[in-house]
Amino acid sequence: MPALTRALGGITAAYSAALIVAPKLLAKPSGLTSPTGEITRPVRTLIAAIGARDTAIGVAMMLAPAGKPLQIALAARVTADAADATIFGLSLPDKSARAKIGGFAAGWALLCALSGLQR
């Protein structure tokens, strides 16, 4: 479990930190930009919060000691992604964005969960 789980944690942390700096990485494919491509302050705030949450979880996946602490960090990642898949998959304003973003989050949750099965 640790090698793949830690790699997924690193990818999660890097992407999530990038969201804080460049919220358009999530806002645009989610259909949360204005027609001119601008991001409103509330959307920017929400994406930064998601980015901060996921950066922390990704870092925990990389640094947690093997065993129970790493399992808890992994469970947090899977739970957060499953929640994102559900909320974005049901609530985004654009139907194709719901499928794309919800599906990506569900796939990431599954990949992370499967990494926990690796010996």
Protein backbone atom coordinates (compact mmCIF):
# COMPACT_ATOMS: atom_id res chain seq x y z
CA MET A 1 0.00 0.00 0.00
CA PRO A 2 2.51 2.69 0.91
CA ALA A 3 4.32 3.26 -2.42
CA LEU A 4 1.27 3.82 -4.63
CA THR A 5 -0.69 5.54 -1.86
CA ARG A 6 2.19 7.94 -1.21
CA ALA A 7 2.55 8.67 -4.95
CA LEU A 8 -1.17 9.40 -5.20
CA GLY A 9 -0.82 11.65 -2.15
CA GLY A 10 1.97 13.58 -3.87
CA ILE A 11 -0.09 14.04 -7.03
CA THR A 12 -3.07 15.11 -4.93
CA ALA A 13 -1.00 17.63 -2.96
CA ALA A 14 0.59 19.13 -6.08
CA TYR A 15 -2.68 19.48 -8.01
CA SER A 16 -4.53 20.80 -4.97
CA ALA A 17 -1.87 23.42 -4.22
CA ALA A 18 -2.11 24.47 -7.87
CA LEU A 19 -5.87 25.00 -7.42
CA ILE A 20 -5.18 27.57 -4.71
CA VAL A 21 -2.91 29.53 -7.04
CA ALA A 22 -4.85 28.92 -10.27
CA PRO A 23 -8.52 28.21 -9.48
CA LYS A 24 -9.34 28.21 -13.17
CA LEU A 25 -7.88 24.66 -13.29
CA LEU A 26 -11.10 23.49 -11.63
CA ALA A 27 -13.49 26.35 -12.36
CA LYS A 28 -13.25 26.12 -16.14
CA PRO A 29 -13.88 22.37 -16.60
CA SER A 30 -16.57 22.57 -13.91
CA GLY A 31 -18.42 25.25 -15.84
CA LEU A 32 -18.07 27.67 -12.93
CA THR A 33 -16.63 30.58 -14.91
CA SER A 34 -18.57 33.47 -16.38
CA PRO A 35 -19.20 33.55 -20.13
CA THR A 36 -16.04 35.67 -20.43
CA GLY A 37 -13.99 33.14 -18.44
CA GLU A 38 -13.87 35.13 -15.20
CA ILE A 39 -14.10 33.49 -11.80
CA THR A 40 -16.29 35.13 -9.17
CA ARG A 41 -14.94 35.69 -5.68
CA PRO A 42 -17.27 33.05 -4.11
CA VAL A 43 -16.15 30.40 -6.61
CA ARG A 44 -12.50 31.37 -6.09
CA THR A 45 -13.00 31.04 -2.31
CA LEU A 46 -14.67 27.64 -2.60
CA ILE A 47 -11.95 26.28 -4.89
CA ALA A 48 -9.22 27.58 -2.57
CA ALA A 49 -10.90 25.81 0.35
CA ILE A 50 -11.09 22.56 -1.61
CA GLY A 51 -7.46 23.01 -2.62
CA ALA A 52 -6.35 23.58 0.96
CA ARG A 53 -8.30 20.56 2.21
CA ASP A 54 -6.90 18.30 -0.46
CA THR A 55 -3.34 19.60 -0.11
CA ALA A 56 -3.46 18.69 3.57
CA ILE A 57 -4.83 15.23 2.84
CA GLY A 58 -2.25 14.64 0.11
CA VAL A 59 0.61 15.66 2.39
CA ALA A 60 -0.78 13.35 5.09
CA MET A 61 -0.82 10.49 2.58
CA MET A 62 2.84 11.17 1.80
CA LEU A 63 4.09 11.59 5.36
CA ALA A 64 1.88 9.50 7.65
CA PRO A 65 3.60 6.52 9.23
CA ALA A 66 2.64 3.19 7.69
CA GLY A 67 -0.24 1.37 9.31
CA LYS A 68 -3.24 3.01 10.92
CA PRO A 69 -2.16 6.66 10.36
CA LEU A 70 -1.70 6.07 6.62
CA GLN A 71 -4.99 4.18 6.44
CA ILE A 72 -6.77 7.12 8.07
CA ALA A 73 -5.19 9.60 5.62
CA LEU A 74 -6.20 7.36 2.73
CA ALA A 75 -9.73 7.04 4.08
CA ALA A 76 -9.95 10.84 4.25
CA ARG A 77 -8.88 11.05 0.59
CA VAL A 78 -11.40 8.45 -0.56
CA THR A 79 -14.19 10.05 1.48
CA ALA A 80 -13.43 13.56 0.20
CA ASP A 81 -13.34 12.38 -3.41
CA ALA A 82 -16.53 10.36 -3.03
CA ALA A 83 -18.24 13.43 -1.58
CA ASP A 84 -16.89 15.60 -4.41
CA ALA A 85 -18.10 13.05 -6.96
CA THR A 86 -21.57 13.10 -5.46
CA ILE A 87 -21.88 16.85 -4.98
CA PHE A 88 -20.28 17.92 -8.26
CA GLY A 89 -21.90 15.04 -10.12
CA LEU A 90 -25.36 16.13 -9.01
CA SER A 91 -25.02 19.89 -8.62
CA LEU A 92 -22.84 21.52 -11.26
CA PRO A 93 -24.85 23.79 -13.56
CA ASP A 94 -23.73 22.08 -16.78
CA LYS A 95 -24.73 18.46 -17.40
CA SER A 96 -21.52 17.55 -19.25
CA ALA A 97 -19.44 19.14 -16.47
CA ARG A 98 -21.36 17.09 -13.90
CA ALA A 99 -20.43 13.88 -15.73
CA LYS A 100 -16.82 14.93 -16.36
CA ILE A 101 -15.95 16.31 -12.92
CA GLY A 102 -18.10 13.84 -10.99
CA GLY A 103 -16.62 10.96 -12.96
CA PHE A 104 -13.06 12.17 -12.44
CA ALA A 105 -13.59 12.50 -8.68
CA ALA A 106 -15.21 9.05 -8.52
CA GLY A 107 -12.33 7.55 -10.49
CA TRP A 108 -9.76 9.16 -8.20
CA ALA A 109 -11.65 7.86 -5.14
CA LEU A 110 -11.61 4.36 -6.62
CA LEU A 111 -7.92 4.53 -7.55
CA CYS A 112 -7.00 5.72 -4.06
CA ALA A 113 -9.18 3.03 -2.47
CA LEU A 114 -7.53 0.36 -4.60
CA SER A 115 -4.09 1.63 -3.58
CA GLY A 116 -5.02 0.65 -0.04
CA LEU A 117 -5.38 -2.97 -1.13
CA GLN A 118 -1.84 -3.15 -2.49
CA ARG A 119 0.59 -5.19 -0.38
